[in-house]
Amino acid sequence: MDEKNIHLYYACCPYCKNVLVQSQNGMDGYIKCSKCDNYIHIIVRNGTVTVKTKS
């Protein structure tokens, strides 16, 4: 795939708005925010970024 055609999406912490990750479609994982120490569940699927608190 040509690098110019890669779409990257950004996910931010819902608490402190810190940028957590830059990712392509297909991501589904947890990240600990380096600013506020909350664990965040991030899903990037079909061009949509979903950010939830870890339950």
PDB file of N, CA and C in Angstrom:
ATOM      1  N   MET A   1       0.841  -1.175   0.000  1.00  0.00           N
ATOM      2  CA  MET A   1       0.000   0.000   0.000  1.00  0.00           C
ATOM      3  C   MET A   1       0.890   1.244   0.000  1.00  0.00           C
ATOM      4  N   ASP A   2       0.503   2.218  -0.768  1.00  0.00           N
ATOM      5  CA  ASP A   2       1.236   3.473  -0.851  1.00  0.00           C
ATOM      6  C   ASP A   2       1.066   4.260   0.450  1.00  0.00           C
ATOM      7  N   GLU A   3       2.159   4.773   0.990  1.00  0.00           N
ATOM      8  CA  GLU A   3       2.107   5.497   2.262  1.00  0.00           C
ATOM      9  C   GLU A   3       1.200   6.722   2.204  1.00  0.00           C
ATOM     10  N   LYS A   4       1.016   7.311   1.024  1.00  0.00           N
ATOM     11  CA  LYS A   4       0.159   8.489   0.902  1.00  0.00           C
ATOM     12  C   LYS A   4      -1.312   8.144   1.110  1.00  0.00           C
ATOM     13  N   ASN A   5      -1.690   6.890   0.925  1.00  0.00           N
ATOM     14  CA  ASN A   5      -3.089   6.481   1.040  1.00  0.00           C
ATOM     15  C   ASN A   5      -3.439   5.900   2.402  1.00  0.00           C
ATOM     16  N   ILE A   6      -2.497   5.869   3.328  1.00  0.00           N
ATOM     17  CA  ILE A   6      -2.767   5.332   4.656  1.00  0.00           C
ATOM     18  C   ILE A   6      -3.482   6.394   5.490  1.00  0.00           C
ATOM     19  N   HIS A   7      -4.640   6.033   6.031  1.00  0.00           N
ATOM     20  CA  HIS A   7      -5.392   6.949   6.885  1.00  0.00           C
ATOM     21  C   HIS A   7      -5.071   6.627   8.335  1.00  0.00           C
ATOM     22  N   LEU A   8      -4.635   7.628   9.066  1.00  0.00           N
ATOM     23  CA  LEU A   8      -4.315   7.453  10.477  1.00  0.00           C
ATOM     24  C   LEU A   8      -5.345   8.196  11.311  1.00  0.00           C
ATOM     25  N   TYR A   9      -5.688   7.608  12.444  1.00  0.00           N
ATOM     26  CA  TYR A   9      -6.680   8.172  13.341  1.00  0.00           C
ATOM     27  C   TYR A   9      -6.023   8.410  14.698  1.00  0.00           C
ATOM     28  N   TYR A  10      -6.506   9.403  15.413  1.00  0.00           N
ATOM     29  CA  TYR A  10      -5.961   9.757  16.717  1.00  0.00           C
ATOM     30  C   TYR A  10      -7.008   9.487  17.790  1.00  0.00           C
ATOM     31  N   ALA A  11      -6.560   8.956  18.916  1.00  0.00           N
ATOM     32  CA  ALA A  11      -7.438   8.750  20.064  1.00  0.00           C
ATOM     33  C   ALA A  11      -6.902   9.564  21.230  1.00  0.00           C
ATOM     34  N   CYS A  12      -7.802  10.262  21.911  1.00  0.00           N
ATOM     35  CA  CYS A  12      -7.428  11.106  23.046  1.00  0.00           C
ATOM     36  C   CYS A  12      -8.084  10.595  24.315  1.00  0.00           C
ATOM     37  N   CYS A  13      -7.457  10.871  25.435  1.00  0.00           N
ATOM     38  CA  CYS A  13      -7.993  10.513  26.734  1.00  0.00           C
ATOM     39  C   CYS A  13      -9.273  11.329  26.986  1.00  0.00           C
ATOM     40  N   PRO A  14     -10.370  10.668  27.367  1.00  0.00           N
ATOM     41  CA  PRO A  14     -11.608  11.410  27.612  1.00  0.00           C
ATOM     42  C   PRO A  14     -11.564  12.261  28.893  1.00  0.00           C
ATOM     43  N   TYR A  15     -10.576  12.026  29.746  1.00  0.00           N
ATOM     44  CA  TYR A  15     -10.456  12.781  30.994  1.00  0.00           C
ATOM     45  C   TYR A  15      -9.623  14.046  30.817  1.00  0.00           C
ATOM     46  N   CYS A  16      -8.409  13.893  30.274  1.00  0.00           N
ATOM     47  CA  CYS A  16      -7.490  15.038  30.225  1.00  0.00           C
ATOM     48  C   CYS A  16      -7.183  15.506  28.802  1.00  0.00           C
ATOM     49  N   LYS A  17      -7.740  14.830  27.802  1.00  0.00           N
ATOM     50  CA  LYS A  17      -7.594  15.198  26.379  1.00  0.00           C
ATOM     51  C   LYS A  17      -6.191  14.988  25.825  1.00  0.00           C
ATOM     52  N   ASN A  18      -5.361  14.247  26.524  1.00  0.00           N
ATOM     53  CA  ASN A  18      -4.019  13.906  26.052  1.00  0.00           C
ATOM     54  C   ASN A  18      -4.133  12.943  24.865  1.00  0.00           C
ATOM     55  N   VAL A  19      -3.355  13.162  23.812  1.00  0.00           N
ATOM     56  CA  VAL A  19      -3.350  12.243  22.674  1.00  0.00           C
ATOM     57  C   VAL A  19      -2.664  10.948  23.108  1.00  0.00           C
ATOM     58  N   LEU A  20      -3.374   9.830  22.958  1.00  0.00           N
ATOM     59  CA  LEU A  20      -2.870   8.540  23.421  1.00  0.00           C
ATOM     60  C   LEU A  20      -2.195   7.730  22.324  1.00  0.00           C
ATOM     61  N   VAL A  21      -2.754   7.760  21.115  1.00  0.00           N
ATOM     62  CA  VAL A  21      -2.251   6.892  20.063  1.00  0.00           C
ATOM     63  C   VAL A  21      -2.635   7.431  18.690  1.00  0.00           C
ATOM     64  N   GLN A  22      -1.812   7.084  17.719  1.00  0.00           N
ATOM     65  CA  GLN A  22      -2.084   7.333  16.306  1.00  0.00           C
ATOM     66  C   GLN A  22      -2.145   5.941  15.689  1.00  0.00           C
ATOM     67  N   SER A  23      -3.256   5.592  15.043  1.00  0.00           N
ATOM     68  CA  SER A  23      -3.444   4.216  14.600  1.00  0.00           C
ATOM     69  C   SER A  23      -4.218   4.143  13.297  1.00  0.00           C
ATOM     70  N   GLN A  24      -4.146   2.981  12.674  1.00  0.00           N
ATOM     71  CA  GLN A  24      -4.946   2.675  11.487  1.00  0.00           C
ATOM     72  C   GLN A  24      -6.179   1.896  11.914  1.00  0.00           C
ATOM     73  N   ASN A  25      -7.088   1.650  10.975  1.00  0.00           N
ATOM     74  CA  ASN A  25      -8.250   0.807  11.237  1.00  0.00           C
ATOM     75  C   ASN A  25      -7.793  -0.540  11.760  1.00  0.00           C
ATOM     76  N   GLY A  26      -8.556  -1.122  12.664  1.00  0.00           N
ATOM     77  CA  GLY A  26      -8.260  -2.447  13.176  1.00  0.00           C
ATOM     78  C   GLY A  26      -7.725  -2.479  14.585  1.00  0.00           C
ATOM     79  N   MET A  27      -7.451  -1.332  15.176  1.00  0.00           N
ATOM     80  CA  MET A  27      -6.925  -1.331  16.544  1.00  0.00           C
ATOM     81  C   MET A  27      -8.046  -1.641  17.535  1.00  0.00           C
ATOM     82  N   ASP A  28      -7.740  -2.441  18.518  1.00  0.00           N
ATOM     83  CA  ASP A  28      -8.647  -2.715  19.632  1.00  0.00           C
ATOM     84  C   ASP A  28      -7.773  -3.063  20.827  1.00  0.00           C
ATOM     85  N   GLY A  29      -7.593  -2.110  21.716  1.00  0.00           N
ATOM     86  CA  GLY A  29      -6.706  -2.361  22.841  1.00  0.00           C
ATOM     87  C   GLY A  29      -6.843  -1.334  23.941  1.00  0.00           C
ATOM     88  N   TYR A  30      -6.056  -1.531  24.987  1.00  0.00           N
ATOM     89  CA  TYR A  30      -6.067  -0.660  26.152  1.00  0.00           C
ATOM     90  C   TYR A  30      -4.749   0.099  26.244  1.00  0.00           C
ATOM     91  N   ILE A  31      -4.847   1.354  26.648  1.00  0.00           N
ATOM     92  CA  ILE A  31      -3.661   2.192  26.823  1.00  0.00           C
ATOM     93  C   ILE A  31      -3.813   2.937  28.143  1.00  0.00           C
ATOM     94  N   LYS A  32      -2.722   3.030  28.889  1.00  0.00           N
ATOM     95  CA  LYS A  32      -2.714   3.818  30.117  1.00  0.00           C
ATOM     96  C   LYS A  32      -2.262   5.232  29.767  1.00  0.00           C
ATOM     97  N   CYS A  33      -3.085   6.204  30.108  1.00  0.00           N
ATOM     98  CA  CYS A  33      -2.753   7.599  29.828  1.00  0.00           C
ATOM     99  C   CYS A  33      -1.551   8.016  30.662  1.00  0.00           C
ATOM    100  N   SER A  34      -0.574   8.602  30.012  1.00  0.00           N
ATOM    101  CA  SER A  34       0.652   9.010  30.713  1.00  0.00           C
ATOM    102  C   SER A  34       0.438  10.265  31.558  1.00  0.00           C
ATOM    103  N   LYS A  35      -0.640  10.988  31.307  1.00  0.00           N
ATOM    104  CA  LYS A  35      -0.891  12.215  32.056  1.00  0.00           C
ATOM    105  C   LYS A  35      -1.733  11.993  33.309  1.00  0.00           C
ATOM    106  N   CYS A  36      -2.818  11.223  33.177  1.00  0.00           N
ATOM    107  CA  CYS A  36      -3.745  11.076  34.312  1.00  0.00           C
ATOM    108  C   CYS A  36      -3.823   9.650  34.857  1.00  0.00           C
ATOM    109  N   ASP A  37      -3.076   8.705  34.272  1.00  0.00           N
ATOM    110  CA  ASP A  37      -2.961   7.315  34.742  1.00  0.00           C
ATOM    111  C   ASP A  37      -4.246   6.488  34.655  1.00  0.00           C
ATOM    112  N   ASN A  38      -5.232   6.923  33.865  1.00  0.00           N
ATOM    113  CA  ASN A  38      -6.437   6.119  33.643  1.00  0.00           C
ATOM    114  C   ASN A  38      -6.203   5.156  32.486  1.00  0.00           C
ATOM    115  N   TYR A  39      -6.811   3.968  32.572  1.00  0.00           N
ATOM    116  CA  TYR A  39      -6.735   3.006  31.472  1.00  0.00           C
ATOM    117  C   TYR A  39      -7.905   3.263  30.531  1.00  0.00           C
ATOM    118  N   ILE A  40      -7.591   3.354  29.242  1.00  0.00           N
ATOM    119  CA  ILE A  40      -8.580   3.700  28.233  1.00  0.00           C
ATOM    120  C   ILE A  40      -8.656   2.592  27.188  1.00  0.00           C
ATOM    121  N   HIS A  41      -9.880   2.180  26.838  1.00  0.00           N
ATOM    122  CA  HIS A  41     -10.111   1.178  25.795  1.00  0.00           C
ATOM    123  C   HIS A  41     -10.331   1.936  24.487  1.00  0.00           C
ATOM    124  N   ILE A  42      -9.503   1.631  23.483  1.00  0.00           N
ATOM    125  CA  ILE A  42      -9.565   2.320  22.193  1.00  0.00           C
ATOM    126  C   ILE A  42      -9.874   1.311  21.104  1.00  0.00           C
ATOM    127  N   ILE A  43     -10.882   1.633  20.278  1.00  0.00           N
ATOM    128  CA  ILE A  43     -11.249   0.802  19.135  1.00  0.00           C
ATOM    129  C   ILE A  43     -11.267   1.699  17.906  1.00  0.00           C
ATOM    130  N   VAL A  44     -10.516   1.313  16.869  1.00  0.00           N
ATOM    131  CA  VAL A  44     -10.535   2.026  15.592  1.00  0.00           C
ATOM    132  C   VAL A  44     -11.030   1.032  14.557  1.00  0.00           C
ATOM    133  N   ARG A  45     -12.247   1.272  14.055  1.00  0.00           N
ATOM    134  CA  ARG A  45     -12.868   0.333  13.135  1.00  0.00           C
ATOM    135  C   ARG A  45     -13.720   1.094  12.119  1.00  0.00           C
ATOM    136  N   ASN A  46     -13.539   0.780  10.858  1.00  0.00           N
ATOM    137  CA  ASN A  46     -14.326   1.383   9.770  1.00  0.00           C
ATOM    138  C   ASN A  46     -14.291   2.910   9.789  1.00  0.00           C
ATOM    139  N   GLY A  47     -13.156   3.468  10.094  1.00  0.00           N
ATOM    140  CA  GLY A  47     -12.997   4.918  10.080  1.00  0.00           C
ATOM    141  C   GLY A  47     -13.572   5.636  11.289  1.00  0.00           C
ATOM    142  N   THR A  48     -13.939   4.876  12.330  1.00  0.00           N
ATOM    143  CA  THR A  48     -14.506   5.462  13.538  1.00  0.00           C
ATOM    144  C   THR A  48     -13.626   5.131  14.732  1.00  0.00           C
ATOM    145  N   VAL A  49     -13.336   6.143  15.537  1.00  0.00           N
ATOM    146  CA  VAL A  49     -12.546   5.959  16.753  1.00  0.00           C
ATOM    147  C   VAL A  49     -13.501   5.974  17.940  1.00  0.00           C
ATOM    148  N   THR A  50     -13.485   4.897  18.733  1.00  0.00           N
ATOM    149  CA  THR A  50     -14.301   4.802  19.936  1.00  0.00           C
ATOM    150  C   THR A  50     -13.368   4.755  21.141  1.00  0.00           C
ATOM    151  N   VAL A  51     -13.617   5.627  22.109  1.00  0.00           N
ATOM    152  CA  VAL A  51     -12.787   5.696  23.305  1.00  0.00           C
ATOM    153  C   VAL A  51     -13.700   5.476  24.500  1.00  0.00           C
ATOM    154  N   LYS A  52     -13.366   4.483  25.330  1.00  0.00           N
ATOM    155  CA  LYS A  52     -14.175   4.162  26.519  1.00  0.00           C
ATOM    156  C   LYS A  52     -13.255   4.024  27.720  1.00  0.00           C
ATOM    157  N   THR A  53     -13.835   4.193  28.894  1.00  0.00           N
ATOM    158  CA  THR A  53     -13.064   3.918  30.095  1.00  0.00           C
ATOM    159  C   THR A  53     -13.017   2.413  30.289  1.00  0.00           C
ATOM    160  N   LYS A  54     -11.943   1.918  30.876  1.00  0.00           N
ATOM    161  CA  LYS A  54     -11.807   0.484  31.099  1.00  0.00           C
ATOM    162  C   LYS A  54     -12.808   0.057  32.166  1.00  0.00           C
ATOM    163  N   SER A  55     -13.589  -0.983  31.844  1.00  0.00           N
ATOM    164  CA  SER A  55     -14.605  -1.448  32.798  1.00  0.00           C
ATOM    165  C   SER A  55     -14.181  -2.727  33.466  1.00  0.00           C
TER     166      SER A  55
END
